[in-house]
Amino acid sequence: MRYLLILLTFLMLSCKNENKAEATLTSNTNDEVIELEIVDFSGLEKYLNTTTEKIYVVNFWATWCAPCIKELPYFEDLNKNYSDKNVEVILVSLDFPHVYETKLKPFITENNIKSKVVVLNDMDSNSWIPKVDESWSGAIPATLIFNNQTRKFFEKPFTYKELEHEIKQFLK
């Protein structure tokens, strides 16, 4: 709950009044163009449901969250090792708008993030957090793994071995 209050406070202080549901920010860093897909919750919902057999791993994280940063390489490895097995990793950044250019984009570049990154910019976290999962307190890291038959939610950091174990349950 404490993390949720901190998140809400920073979001309220740092967000500009924007009426767009989706936006894209482009940055040219070291000759590499980084495009961020910035969405509100209605724009994120398309990444939280499926009617196909594809397995989705959706991780909620932020550059200011030490446990999130520690586990990100495991999601990248999972994306690399299981993309040919119908698994897709989506990293949902909860970073604050004022750090998109100064922290988030450089972090993506410096860490060579290849998974899809979506930025959630929606201040009404009290409405969207329970839509992701009823049990979620709002703390991060948090991960949703699902396909069209099964849905599992985790409010904890992962090791690669733990992530792989969960994915293998879906591949059976």
Protein backbone atom coordinates (compact mmCIF):
# COMPACT_ATOMS: atom_id res chain seq x y z
CA MET A 1 0.00 0.00 0.00
CA ARG A 2 2.90 2.30 0.76
CA TYR A 3 4.25 1.86 -2.77
CA LEU A 4 0.85 2.66 -4.20
CA LEU A 5 0.67 5.91 -2.23
CA ILE A 6 4.18 6.87 -3.30
CA LEU A 7 3.36 6.05 -6.92
CA LEU A 8 0.18 8.11 -6.80
CA THR A 9 1.94 11.06 -5.19
CA PHE A 10 4.70 11.12 -7.79
CA LEU A 11 2.26 10.64 -10.65
CA MET A 12 0.12 13.53 -9.47
CA LEU A 13 3.13 15.79 -9.08
CA SER A 14 4.81 14.82 -12.32
CA CYS A 15 2.06 14.26 -14.87
CA LYS A 16 1.02 16.88 -17.34
CA ASN A 17 -2.64 17.18 -18.15
CA GLU A 18 -2.91 15.11 -21.28
CA ASN A 19 -6.14 14.03 -22.91
CA LYS A 20 -4.61 11.49 -25.28
CA ALA A 21 -5.05 7.83 -24.45
CA GLU A 22 -1.93 6.87 -26.38
CA ALA A 23 1.18 8.75 -27.36
CA THR A 24 4.57 7.90 -28.74
CA LEU A 25 7.82 9.59 -27.73
CA THR A 26 10.79 9.23 -30.01
CA SER A 27 14.36 9.84 -28.98
CA ASN A 28 17.56 9.58 -30.93
CA THR A 29 20.21 8.31 -28.49
CA ASN A 30 23.54 7.13 -29.87
CA ASP A 31 22.04 6.94 -33.38
CA GLU A 32 19.40 4.50 -32.10
CA VAL A 33 15.79 5.62 -32.19
CA ILE A 34 13.83 4.67 -29.07
CA GLU A 35 10.08 4.90 -29.43
CA LEU A 36 7.94 4.60 -26.34
CA GLU A 37 4.35 3.53 -26.58
CA ILE A 38 2.66 5.58 -23.86
CA VAL A 39 -0.85 4.45 -22.95
CA ASP A 40 -3.52 4.89 -20.33
CA PHE A 41 -5.12 1.75 -18.93
CA SER A 42 -7.61 1.40 -21.78
CA GLY A 43 -4.63 1.31 -24.15
CA LEU A 44 -2.89 -1.30 -22.00
CA GLU A 45 -5.89 -3.63 -21.84
CA LYS A 46 -5.13 -5.07 -25.28
CA TYR A 47 -1.92 -6.52 -23.76
CA LEU A 48 -3.75 -8.15 -20.83
CA ASN A 49 -6.09 -10.53 -22.66
CA THR A 50 -5.82 -13.05 -25.44
CA THR A 51 -7.94 -15.52 -27.34
CA THR A 52 -4.91 -17.37 -28.71
CA GLU A 53 -2.61 -20.07 -27.37
CA LYS A 54 0.25 -17.55 -27.15
CA ILE A 55 1.72 -17.17 -23.66
CA TYR A 56 2.15 -13.58 -22.48
CA VAL A 57 4.46 -12.51 -19.68
CA VAL A 58 3.57 -8.96 -18.61
CA ASN A 59 5.93 -7.43 -16.07
CA PHE A 60 5.12 -4.17 -14.26
CA TRP A 61 8.34 -2.34 -13.32
CA ALA A 62 10.05 1.05 -13.06
CA THR A 63 13.63 2.31 -13.26
CA TRP A 64 13.38 3.56 -9.65
CA CYS A 65 12.51 0.06 -8.34
CA ALA A 66 15.69 -1.87 -7.37
CA PRO A 67 14.06 -5.35 -7.31
CA CYS A 68 12.54 -4.60 -10.73
CA ILE A 69 15.92 -3.69 -12.20
CA LYS A 70 17.51 -6.79 -10.69
CA GLU A 71 14.98 -9.13 -12.34
CA LEU A 72 14.78 -7.43 -15.78
CA PRO A 73 17.68 -9.44 -17.26
CA TYR A 74 15.72 -12.62 -16.46
CA PHE A 75 12.76 -11.37 -18.49
CA GLU A 76 15.10 -10.48 -21.34
CA ASP A 77 16.61 -13.97 -21.20
CA LEU A 78 13.14 -15.50 -21.13
CA ASN A 79 12.15 -13.42 -24.16
CA LYS A 80 15.27 -14.55 -26.02
CA ASN A 81 15.03 -18.23 -25.04
CA TYR A 82 11.27 -18.74 -25.45
CA SER A 83 10.16 -16.43 -28.26
CA ASP A 84 10.25 -19.39 -30.65
CA LYS A 85 7.91 -21.27 -28.28
CA ASN A 86 5.04 -18.80 -28.65
CA VAL A 87 5.98 -16.73 -25.58
CA GLU A 88 5.96 -12.92 -25.62
CA VAL A 89 7.39 -10.68 -22.90
CA ILE A 90 5.88 -7.22 -22.40
CA LEU A 91 7.54 -4.82 -19.96
CA VAL A 92 5.08 -2.25 -18.61
CA SER A 93 7.00 0.72 -17.26
CA LEU A 94 5.41 2.70 -14.44
CA ASP A 95 8.07 5.40 -14.64
CA PHE A 96 6.98 8.99 -14.18
CA PRO A 97 6.55 11.19 -17.27
CA HIS A 98 9.31 13.61 -16.29
CA VAL A 99 11.94 10.82 -16.52
CA TYR A 100 10.99 9.26 -19.88
CA GLU A 101 13.79 11.10 -21.70
CA THR A 102 16.37 11.30 -18.90
CA LYS A 103 16.10 7.84 -17.29
CA LEU A 104 13.76 5.42 -19.08
CA LYS A 105 15.03 5.75 -22.64
CA PRO A 106 18.71 5.72 -21.60
CA PHE A 107 18.00 2.65 -19.41
CA ILE A 108 16.41 0.81 -22.36
CA THR A 109 19.39 1.68 -24.57
CA GLU A 110 22.12 0.95 -22.01
CA ASN A 111 20.60 -2.41 -21.09
CA ASN A 112 19.83 -3.35 -24.69
CA ILE A 113 16.20 -4.15 -23.86
CA LYS A 114 14.67 -6.13 -26.73
CA SER A 115 11.32 -7.02 -25.15
CA LYS A 116 8.36 -4.82 -25.96
CA VAL A 117 8.23 -1.84 -23.57
CA VAL A 118 4.90 -0.10 -22.95
CA VAL A 119 4.68 2.92 -20.65
CA LEU A 120 1.55 3.12 -18.51
CA ASN A 121 0.64 6.74 -17.79
CA ASP A 122 -2.65 6.50 -15.92
CA MET A 123 -3.04 8.27 -12.58
CA ASP A 124 -6.22 6.39 -11.64
CA SER A 125 -4.32 3.38 -10.29
CA ASN A 126 -7.09 2.59 -7.80
CA SER A 127 -9.32 1.68 -10.74
CA TRP A 128 -6.84 -0.19 -12.96
CA ILE A 129 -4.78 -2.16 -10.39
CA PRO A 130 -7.69 -4.50 -9.47
CA LYS A 131 -8.45 -4.92 -13.20
CA VAL A 132 -4.99 -6.41 -13.65
CA ASP A 133 -5.56 -8.70 -10.66
CA GLU A 134 -7.89 -8.45 -7.67
CA SER A 135 -5.13 -9.50 -5.28
CA TRP A 136 -2.61 -6.87 -6.42
CA SER A 137 -1.75 -4.29 -3.75
CA GLY A 138 -0.04 -2.08 -6.36
CA ALA A 139 3.51 -2.96 -5.29
CA ILE A 140 6.08 -3.68 -7.97
CA PRO A 141 7.59 -5.75 -9.39
CA ALA A 142 4.46 -7.58 -10.40
CA THR A 143 4.02 -10.08 -13.20
CA LEU A 144 1.04 -11.50 -15.04
CA ILE A 145 1.51 -14.71 -17.05
CA PHE A 146 -1.41 -15.90 -19.15
CA ASN A 147 -2.77 -17.51 -22.26
CA ASN A 148 -6.37 -18.09 -23.35
CA GLN A 149 -6.92 -20.78 -20.69
CA THR A 150 -4.82 -19.90 -17.65
CA ARG A 151 -3.93 -16.70 -15.82
CA LYS A 152 -1.38 -16.39 -12.99
CA PHE A 153 -0.40 -13.24 -11.12
CA PHE A 154 2.71 -12.71 -8.99
CA GLU A 155 3.51 -9.76 -6.76
CA LYS A 156 7.17 -10.57 -6.21
CA PRO A 157 10.55 -10.45 -7.90
CA PHE A 158 11.63 -13.47 -9.94
CA THR A 159 14.83 -15.38 -10.56
CA TYR A 160 15.32 -16.80 -14.04
CA LYS A 161 14.78 -20.32 -12.72
CA GLU A 162 11.43 -19.32 -11.17
CA LEU A 163 10.30 -17.60 -14.36
CA GLU A 164 11.27 -20.57 -16.47
CA HIS A 165 9.43 -22.92 -14.10
CA GLU A 166 6.23 -20.86 -14.49
CA ILE A 167 6.53 -20.74 -18.28
CA LYS A 168 7.07 -24.50 -18.45
CA GLN A 169 3.74 -24.96 -16.60
CA PHE A 170 2.06 -23.19 -19.52
CA LEU A 171 3.96 -25.18 -22.14
CA LYS A 172 2.79 -28.58 -20.87
